[in-house]
């Protein structure tokens, strides 16, 4: 239980205590006049004085913060109460709110002692006014004291238990966060070590071999070109092998979905899994003859398709979705269309992109643009949604776009991946 949930009952209890004190004071004054007591004016004066002292307590900073201040205030309140009890038997009922004040403001041991003393004084005062002994005279104040003690001690025990649970939950949350951070750091460190070993054993050693071969060719030139030629040939071969190793390392960083399969196969598998897991009828279409493209473009298209289908399941209420991958002579494109409820793209675009760290419409757009592509979305409320990503193929003059067969690094290859969400 959250200890903050106990604050409201405590506030309600305080308000009820204030109302009880005020009601009992008014009742004592009214009964004094209606009963024709000789000391009725004195009773009125004492009730007013008691109300003033009681009302001043919450306004005094020392009462709630210092046990000494609370003791002094309770002492003054008790003296005025004794004066009222001396004047009228109705003053005995004011002992009940005094019980709560004593238990709340004083340490437990002193609070219980004060309640016991107040109970004895209340019984003695009531007996003095009645002039004869009666069982009800003793039971009333004693029962009121027992109820006050049980209520306050029960609340304190519940609050302490709630505080202990809150601290335990905070410690568990901190421990979990520390453990997650440690596991993340260990994973990052292990991955860095793996990549360092991989690069050292392949790329770095290959570059060292090329450097040695070129130095040997440099020493042979220009006097002995016949001796330099074999070194250059071996250096070129080493460079080719090194380039293949570098590409293998880069491809090893590709998503698991693309490992060992082509982009069309990965998208077809994505559609099948989405249909099985999300209850959405998803159909994949392939247009054109597939050709090899750099891994960053395949990653981008796969992640966009994942996010689009996830958004369709979570937000569109669609029953059917179509995913189309098109290999064309001038471009590579992906289209995702659904028959859902649709939305207003302009309204969504004004929401500052990603929410909760997820991969939203803004992130899909950023991923496409980082690779030199184009991203569009068309939707109307009630008429479904159509999303398209378009990457132009690289031309011979070096224009930005998809390069065939992975020739050269694509822009934005270092961009991080984001999981599907929106």
Protein backbone atom coordinates (compact mmCIF):
# COMPACT_ATOMS: atom_id res chain seq x y z
CA UNK A 1 0.00 0.00 0.00
CA UNK A 2 1.25 3.43 -0.88
CA UNK A 3 1.55 5.60 2.27
CA UNK A 4 0.16 8.52 0.29
CA UNK A 5 -3.17 6.66 0.13
CA UNK A 6 -3.36 7.03 3.92
CA UNK A 7 -3.09 10.81 3.81
CA UNK A 8 -6.68 11.32 2.77
CA UNK A 9 -8.19 9.29 5.65
CA UNK A 10 -5.92 11.22 8.03
CA UNK A 11 -7.17 14.54 6.68
CA UNK A 12 -10.76 13.33 7.00
CA UNK A 13 -10.07 12.24 10.59
CA UNK A 14 -8.64 15.66 11.44
CA UNK A 15 -11.67 17.44 9.99
CA UNK A 16 -14.00 15.18 11.94
CA UNK A 17 -12.00 15.85 15.10
CA UNK A 18 -12.30 19.61 14.59
CA UNK A 19 -16.03 19.33 13.97
CA UNK A 20 -16.43 17.11 17.04
CA UNK A 21 -14.59 19.58 19.26
CA UNK A 22 -16.64 22.50 17.96
CA UNK A 23 -19.92 20.59 18.33
CA UNK A 24 -19.16 19.52 21.89
CA UNK A 25 -18.22 23.07 22.91
CA UNK A 26 -21.45 24.45 21.46
CA UNK A 27 -23.43 21.66 23.11
CA UNK A 28 -21.89 22.36 26.53
CA UNK A 29 -22.64 26.09 26.27
CA UNK A 30 -26.22 25.58 25.03
CA UNK A 31 -27.04 22.97 27.69
CA UNK A 32 -25.67 25.25 30.40
CA UNK A 33 -28.14 28.00 29.44
CA UNK A 34 -31.05 25.66 28.73
CA UNK A 35 -30.48 23.82 32.01
CA UNK A 36 -30.51 27.05 33.96
CA UNK A 37 -27.07 26.64 35.46
CA UNK A 38 -25.96 29.43 37.73
CA UNK A 39 -22.52 29.31 36.12
CA UNK A 40 -23.87 29.42 32.54
CA UNK A 41 -22.00 32.66 31.64
CA UNK A 42 -18.82 31.17 33.07
CA UNK A 43 -19.39 27.99 31.05
CA UNK A 44 -19.78 30.09 27.91
CA UNK A 45 -16.57 32.00 28.67
CA UNK A 46 -14.61 28.80 29.29
CA UNK A 47 -15.94 27.11 26.14
CA UNK A 48 -14.90 30.16 24.10
CA UNK A 49 -11.46 30.10 25.74
CA UNK A 50 -11.13 26.39 25.06
CA UNK A 51 -12.12 26.93 21.42
CA UNK A 52 -9.55 29.71 21.06
CA UNK A 53 -6.75 27.61 22.55
CA UNK A 54 -7.72 24.64 20.40
CA UNK A 55 -7.94 26.74 17.22
CA UNK A 56 -4.54 28.32 17.91
CA UNK A 57 -2.84 24.90 17.99
CA UNK A 58 -2.64 24.27 14.21
CA UNK A 59 -1.44 27.84 13.69
CA UNK A 60 1.53 27.50 16.05
CA UNK A 61 4.55 26.05 14.20
CA UNK A 62 6.03 24.55 17.35
CA UNK A 63 3.03 22.33 18.05
CA UNK A 64 3.44 20.05 15.06
CA UNK A 65 7.24 20.09 14.91
CA UNK A 66 8.42 19.99 18.51
CA UNK A 67 7.31 17.51 21.21
CA UNK A 68 7.96 20.22 23.80
CA UNK A 69 5.70 22.68 21.98
CA UNK A 70 2.98 20.04 21.65
CA UNK A 71 3.27 19.22 25.35
CA UNK A 72 2.88 22.87 26.36
CA UNK A 73 -0.13 23.35 24.10
CA UNK A 74 -1.79 20.17 25.35
CA UNK A 75 -1.10 21.26 28.92
CA UNK A 76 -2.84 24.60 28.41
CA UNK A 77 -5.71 22.85 26.66
CA UNK A 78 -6.04 20.39 29.57
CA UNK A 79 -6.11 23.20 32.15
CA UNK A 80 -8.94 24.98 30.32
CA UNK A 81 -10.76 21.66 29.94
CA UNK A 82 -10.46 21.02 33.70
CA UNK A 83 -12.03 24.40 34.33
CA UNK A 84 -14.95 23.47 32.05
CA UNK A 85 -15.27 20.06 33.72
CA UNK A 86 -15.41 21.82 37.09
CA UNK A 87 -18.30 23.98 35.91
CA UNK A 88 -20.38 21.38 34.04
CA UNK A 89 -20.63 17.63 33.72
CA UNK A 90 -20.92 18.03 29.95
CA UNK A 91 -17.22 18.81 29.88
CA UNK A 92 -16.53 15.10 30.30
CA UNK A 93 -17.38 14.46 26.64
CA UNK A 94 -14.52 16.71 25.50
CA UNK A 95 -12.13 14.09 26.83
CA UNK A 96 -12.74 12.03 23.68
CA UNK A 97 -11.12 14.51 21.19
CA UNK A 98 -8.39 15.11 23.78
CA UNK A 99 -7.52 11.41 23.59
CA UNK A 100 -6.80 11.67 19.87
CA UNK A 101 -4.72 14.82 20.31
CA UNK A 102 -2.58 13.26 23.02
CA UNK A 103 -1.97 10.05 21.08
CA UNK A 104 -1.20 11.92 17.88
CA UNK A 105 1.15 14.61 19.22
CA UNK A 106 2.97 12.83 22.04
CA UNK A 107 5.30 9.82 21.91
CA UNK A 108 3.43 6.54 22.28
CA UNK A 109 4.42 5.94 25.89
CA UNK A 110 3.58 9.46 27.04
CA UNK A 111 0.46 9.52 24.92
CA UNK A 112 -0.92 6.39 26.57
CA UNK A 113 -0.11 7.79 30.02
CA UNK A 114 -1.88 11.05 29.17
CA UNK A 115 -4.94 9.18 27.91
CA UNK A 116 -5.06 7.13 31.13
CA UNK A 117 -4.78 10.25 33.29
CA UNK A 118 -7.42 12.09 31.28
CA UNK A 119 -9.76 9.10 31.58
CA UNK A 120 -9.38 9.03 35.38
CA UNK A 121 -9.99 12.78 35.65
CA UNK A 122 -13.05 12.56 33.36
CA UNK A 123 -14.57 9.74 35.43
CA UNK A 124 -13.84 11.56 38.70
CA UNK A 125 -15.35 14.80 37.42
CA UNK A 126 -18.46 13.08 36.16
CA UNK A 127 -18.91 11.23 39.47
CA UNK A 128 -18.46 14.49 41.35
CA UNK A 129 -21.25 16.14 39.35
CA UNK A 130 -23.55 13.09 39.59
CA UNK A 131 -23.07 12.68 43.32
CA UNK A 132 -23.41 8.88 43.09
CA UNK A 133 -21.58 5.97 41.52
CA UNK A 134 -22.90 4.40 38.33
CA UNK A 135 -21.39 1.78 36.00
CA UNK A 136 -22.12 3.91 32.93
CA UNK A 137 -20.14 6.74 34.45
CA UNK A 138 -17.01 4.59 34.31
CA UNK A 139 -17.72 2.70 31.09
CA UNK A 140 -18.34 5.79 28.92
CA UNK A 141 -14.93 7.52 29.30
CA UNK A 142 -13.07 4.18 29.46
CA UNK A 143 -14.70 2.95 26.26
CA UNK A 144 -13.95 6.24 24.52
CA UNK A 145 -10.30 5.98 25.55
CA UNK A 146 -10.11 2.38 24.29
CA UNK A 147 -11.60 3.34 20.92
CA UNK A 148 -9.17 6.27 20.54
CA UNK A 149 -6.15 4.11 21.44
CA UNK A 150 -7.17 1.32 19.06
CA UNK A 151 -7.83 3.76 16.21
CA UNK A 152 -4.58 5.72 16.53
CA UNK A 153 -2.30 2.74 17.18
CA UNK A 154 -3.92 0.81 14.34
CA UNK A 155 -3.37 3.70 11.95
CA UNK A 156 0.24 4.09 13.07
CA UNK A 157 0.93 0.38 12.58
CA UNK A 158 -0.66 0.47 9.12
CA UNK A 159 1.32 3.56 8.16
CA UNK A 160 4.62 2.05 9.33
CA UNK A 161 3.96 -1.14 7.39
CA UNK A 162 3.09 0.89 4.31
CA UNK A 163 6.29 2.91 4.69
CA UNK A 164 8.34 -0.26 4.95
CA UNK A 165 6.72 -1.64 1.80
CA UNK A 166 7.32 1.63 -0.03
CA UNK A 167 11.00 1.62 0.92
CA UNK A 168 11.32 -2.02 -0.08
CA UNK A 169 9.69 -1.35 -3.45
CA UNK A 170 12.01 1.60 -4.04
CA UNK A 171 15.03 -0.53 -3.14
CA UNK A 172 13.86 -3.28 -5.49
CA UNK A 173 13.26 -0.73 -8.25
CA UNK A 174 16.72 0.77 -7.76
CA UNK A 175 18.29 -2.68 -7.68
CA UNK A 176 16.49 -3.66 -10.86
CA UNK A 177 17.62 -0.46 -12.58
CA UNK A 178 21.21 -1.02 -11.44
CA UNK A 179 21.07 -4.64 -12.61
CA UNK A 180 19.65 -3.62 -15.99
CA UNK A 181 22.34 -0.95 -16.37
CA UNK A 182 25.04 -3.44 -15.40
CA UNK A 183 23.74 -6.02 -17.86
CA UNK A 184 23.56 -3.39 -20.58
CA UNK A 185 27.10 -2.23 -19.87
CA UNK A 186 28.35 -5.80 -19.82
CA UNK A 187 26.59 -6.49 -23.12
CA UNK A 188 28.03 -3.37 -24.71
CA UNK A 189 31.50 -4.20 -23.43
CA UNK A 190 31.27 -7.78 -24.67
CA UNK A 191 30.06 -6.64 -28.08
CA UNK A 192 32.86 -4.11 -28.31
CA UNK A 193 35.39 -6.78 -27.43
CA UNK A 194 33.93 -9.12 -30.04
CA UNK A 195 34.02 -6.45 -32.73
CA UNK A 196 37.54 -5.43 -31.70
CA UNK A 197 38.76 -9.02 -32.01
CA UNK A 198 36.91 -9.46 -35.29
CA UNK A 199 38.37 -6.29 -36.81
CA UNK A 200 41.86 -7.02 -35.44
CA UNK A 201 41.91 -10.55 -36.81
CA UNK A 202 40.56 -9.62 -40.25
CA UNK A 203 40.58 -6.00 -41.35
CA UNK A 204 43.58 -4.80 -39.33
CA UNK A 205 45.78 -7.74 -40.29
CA UNK A 206 44.76 -7.42 -43.93
CA UNK A 207 45.65 -3.74 -43.97
CA UNK A 208 49.03 -4.54 -42.39
CA UNK A 209 49.72 -7.09 -45.14
CA UNK A 210 48.76 -4.58 -47.82
CA UNK A 211 51.06 -2.00 -46.25
CA UNK A 212 54.01 -4.42 -46.23
CA UNK A 213 53.40 -5.44 -49.83
CA UNK A 214 53.20 -1.82 -50.99
CA UNK A 215 56.39 -0.97 -49.13
CA UNK A 216 58.16 -3.83 -50.91
CA UNK A 217 56.81 -2.59 -54.25
CA UNK A 218 57.90 0.95 -53.37
CA UNK A 219 61.46 -0.21 -52.69
CA UNK A 220 61.58 -2.05 -56.02
CA UNK A 221 60.35 0.97 -58.01
CA UNK A 222 61.42 2.48 -60.28
CA UNK A 223 64.68 0.53 -60.78
CA UNK A 224 63.16 -2.99 -60.66
CA UNK A 225 59.56 -2.77 -61.91
CA UNK A 226 59.46 -6.51 -62.62
CA UNK A 227 60.00 -7.24 -58.91
CA UNK A 228 57.40 -4.62 -57.87
CA UNK A 229 54.63 -6.01 -60.05
CA UNK A 230 54.05 -9.22 -58.03
CA UNK A 231 53.88 -7.20 -54.82
CA UNK A 232 51.22 -4.93 -56.30
CA UNK A 233 49.20 -7.94 -57.51
CA UNK A 234 49.32 -9.55 -54.07
CA UNK A 235 48.39 -6.24 -52.44
CA UNK A 236 45.39 -5.90 -54.74
CA UNK A 237 44.26 -9.42 -53.91
CA UNK A 238 44.74 -8.75 -50.21
CA UNK A 239 42.63 -5.60 -50.56
CA UNK A 240 39.86 -7.59 -52.24
CA UNK A 241 39.93 -10.20 -49.49
CA UNK A 242 40.00 -7.49 -46.85
CA UNK A 243 37.02 -5.76 -48.45
CA UNK A 244 35.11 -9.04 -48.39
CA UNK A 245 35.93 -9.49 -44.70
CA UNK A 246 34.81 -5.92 -43.93
CA UNK A 247 31.52 -6.54 -45.72
CA UNK A 248 31.08 -9.75 -43.75
CA UNK A 249 31.56 -7.84 -40.49
CA UNK A 250 29.06 -5.20 -41.57
CA UNK A 251 26.54 -7.81 -42.64
CA UNK A 252 26.95 -9.48 -39.26
CA UNK A 253 25.42 -6.33 -37.72
CA UNK A 254 22.25 -6.70 -39.78
CA UNK A 255 18.95 -7.63 -38.07
CA UNK A 256 18.34 -11.26 -37.21
CA UNK A 257 15.39 -11.27 -39.63
CA UNK A 258 17.75 -10.65 -42.54
CA UNK A 259 20.32 -13.20 -41.48
CA UNK A 260 20.52 -15.94 -44.06
CA UNK A 261 17.57 -14.66 -46.10
CA UNK A 262 16.77 -11.96 -48.62
CA UNK A 263 14.66 -8.87 -47.98
CA UNK A 264 11.59 -10.32 -49.77
CA UNK A 265 11.87 -13.48 -47.66
CA UNK A 266 12.21 -11.43 -44.47
CA UNK A 267 9.15 -9.32 -45.36
CA UNK A 268 7.13 -12.39 -46.29
CA UNK A 269 8.02 -13.95 -42.93
CA UNK A 270 7.10 -10.69 -41.18
CA UNK A 271 3.66 -10.71 -42.81
CA UNK A 272 3.10 -14.34 -41.85
CA UNK A 273 4.11 -13.75 -38.23
CA UNK A 274 1.97 -10.60 -38.02
CA UNK A 275 -1.06 -12.47 -39.33
CA UNK A 276 -0.52 -15.30 -36.87
CA UNK A 277 0.18 -13.11 -33.85
CA UNK A 278 -1.93 -10.03 -34.47
CA UNK A 279 -5.08 -11.52 -35.99
CA UNK A 280 -4.72 -9.25 -39.02
CA UNK A 281 -4.99 -10.58 -42.58
CA UNK A 282 -1.67 -9.54 -44.13
CA UNK A 283 -0.65 -10.28 -47.71
CA UNK A 284 2.80 -9.79 -49.20
CA UNK A 285 3.37 -8.94 -52.86
CA UNK A 286 6.67 -8.85 -54.74
CA UNK A 287 6.95 -6.79 -57.90
CA UNK A 288 9.92 -6.97 -60.26
CA UNK A 289 13.09 -9.01 -60.16
CA UNK A 290 15.01 -8.67 -56.86
CA UNK A 291 18.51 -7.30 -57.00
CA UNK A 292 21.11 -6.95 -54.26
CA UNK A 293 21.08 -3.67 -52.33
CA UNK A 294 23.19 -2.46 -49.39
CA UNK A 295 22.22 -3.75 -45.95
CA UNK A 296 21.22 -0.32 -44.51
CA UNK A 297 18.44 -0.03 -47.11
CA UNK A 298 17.18 -3.52 -46.36
CA UNK A 299 17.22 -2.73 -42.62
CA UNK A 300 15.33 0.52 -43.20
CA UNK A 301 12.62 -1.12 -45.31
CA UNK A 302 12.20 -4.00 -42.87
CA UNK A 303 11.93 -1.68 -39.86
CA UNK A 304 9.44 0.58 -41.64
CA UNK A 305 7.30 -2.43 -42.52
CA UNK A 306 7.45 -3.67 -38.93
CA UNK A 307 6.42 -0.30 -37.53
CA UNK A 308 3.65 0.22 -40.08
CA UNK A 309 2.11 -3.19 -39.38
CA UNK A 310 2.42 -2.67 -35.64
CA UNK A 311 0.63 0.68 -35.96
CA UNK A 312 -2.06 -1.01 -38.05
CA UNK A 313 -2.68 -3.62 -35.36
CA UNK A 314 -2.63 -1.18 -32.45
CA UNK A 315 -4.42 1.86 -33.82
CA UNK A 316 -6.25 1.27 -37.11
CA UNK A 317 -8.76 -1.46 -36.32
CA UNK A 318 -8.11 -2.82 -39.80
CA UNK A 319 -9.00 -6.32 -40.93
CA UNK A 320 -6.66 -6.48 -43.91
CA UNK A 321 -3.27 -5.07 -44.88
CA UNK A 322 -1.21 -5.29 -48.07
CA UNK A 323 2.60 -5.08 -48.13
CA UNK A 324 4.21 -4.60 -51.54
CA UNK A 325 7.95 -4.56 -52.28
CA UNK A 326 8.77 -3.26 -55.76
CA UNK A 327 12.13 -3.70 -57.49
CA UNK A 328 12.13 -1.24 -60.41
CA UNK A 329 14.84 -0.10 -62.77
CA UNK A 330 14.92 3.38 -61.26
CA UNK A 331 13.89 2.79 -57.66
CA UNK A 332 13.20 0.41 -54.80
CA UNK A 333 9.96 1.00 -52.92
CA UNK A 334 7.79 -0.40 -50.16
CA UNK A 335 4.04 0.18 -49.80
CA UNK A 336 1.88 -0.72 -46.80
CA UNK A 337 -1.89 -0.25 -47.18
CA UNK A 338 -4.67 -1.09 -44.72
CA UNK A 339 -8.46 -0.75 -44.59
CA UNK A 340 -8.58 0.67 -41.07
CA UNK A 341 -10.21 3.74 -39.55
CA UNK A 342 -7.52 6.10 -40.87
CA UNK A 343 -6.35 9.32 -39.25
CA UNK A 344 -5.40 12.92 -39.94
CA UNK A 345 -1.68 12.96 -40.92
CA UNK A 346 -1.34 16.67 -40.20
CA UNK A 347 -2.65 16.25 -36.67
CA UNK A 348 -0.26 13.37 -36.02
CA UNK A 349 2.67 15.29 -37.50
CA UNK A 350 2.13 18.08 -34.95
CA UNK A 351 2.77 15.77 -32.02
CA UNK A 352 6.56 16.10 -32.01
CA UNK A 353 7.32 12.78 -33.62
CA UNK A 354 8.02 9.74 -31.53
CA UNK A 355 6.14 8.95 -28.38
CA UNK A 356 7.51 6.94 -25.46
CA UNK A 357 10.75 6.38 -27.31
CA UNK A 358 8.97 4.31 -29.96
CA UNK A 359 9.35 4.18 -33.72
CA UNK A 360 6.58 6.49 -34.93
CA UNK A 361 5.77 8.24 -38.17
CA UNK A 362 8.46 10.87 -37.63
CA UNK A 363 11.09 8.18 -37.06
CA UNK A 364 10.07 6.31 -40.23
CA UNK A 365 10.37 9.54 -42.17
CA UNK A 366 13.79 10.27 -40.63
CA UNK A 367 15.08 6.79 -41.46
CA UNK A 368 14.05 7.10 -45.10
CA UNK A 369 15.48 10.59 -45.51
CA UNK A 370 18.78 9.62 -43.85
CA UNK A 371 19.32 7.17 -46.73
CA UNK A 372 18.30 9.63 -49.42
CA UNK A 373 14.81 8.22 -49.82
CA UNK A 374 11.28 9.61 -49.81
CA UNK A 375 8.54 8.77 -47.30
CA UNK A 376 4.86 9.56 -47.74
CA UNK A 377 1.66 8.69 -45.90
CA UNK A 378 -1.89 9.18 -47.14
CA UNK A 379 -4.87 8.69 -44.87
CA UNK A 380 -8.36 10.00 -44.30
CA UNK A 381 -10.49 9.23 -41.25
CA UNK A 382 -12.68 6.26 -42.11
CA UNK A 383 -10.85 5.38 -45.35
CA UNK A 384 -7.71 3.51 -44.30
CA UNK A 385 -4.03 4.39 -44.61
CA UNK A 386 -1.40 4.05 -47.33
CA UNK A 387 2.29 4.41 -46.47
CA UNK A 388 5.13 4.39 -49.01
CA UNK A 389 8.95 4.44 -48.83
CA UNK A 390 10.85 5.08 -52.05
CA UNK A 391 14.63 4.80 -52.62
CA UNK A 392 15.95 5.89 -56.04
CA UNK A 393 18.68 3.72 -57.55
CA UNK A 394 22.12 5.23 -57.83
CA UNK A 395 22.94 6.55 -61.29
CA UNK A 396 26.28 6.43 -62.98
CA UNK A 397 27.10 10.05 -62.13
CA UNK A 398 27.10 9.30 -58.41
CA UNK A 399 23.63 10.60 -57.56
CA UNK A 400 22.50 9.59 -54.08
CA UNK A 401 20.42 6.45 -53.97
CA UNK A 402 20.49 2.65 -53.78
CA UNK A 403 23.68 1.26 -55.24
CA UNK A 404 23.43 -2.11 -56.96
CA UNK A 405 25.28 -5.12 -55.46
CA UNK A 406 26.36 -3.15 -52.40
CA UNK A 407 29.00 -1.06 -54.23
CA UNK A 408 30.13 1.38 -51.61
CA UNK A 409 28.72 2.45 -48.29
CA UNK A 410 25.25 3.90 -48.18
CA UNK A 411 24.63 7.16 -46.43
CA UNK A 412 23.31 6.82 -42.93
CA UNK A 413 24.62 3.29 -42.46
CA UNK A 414 25.55 4.06 -38.91
CA UNK A 415 22.07 5.15 -37.96
CA UNK A 416 20.64 3.17 -35.06
CA UNK A 417 17.69 0.85 -35.37
CA UNK A 418 14.44 1.42 -33.61
CA UNK A 419 11.85 -1.10 -32.65
CA UNK A 420 8.31 -0.89 -33.94
CA UNK A 421 5.94 1.29 -32.05
CA UNK A 422 3.93 4.42 -32.39
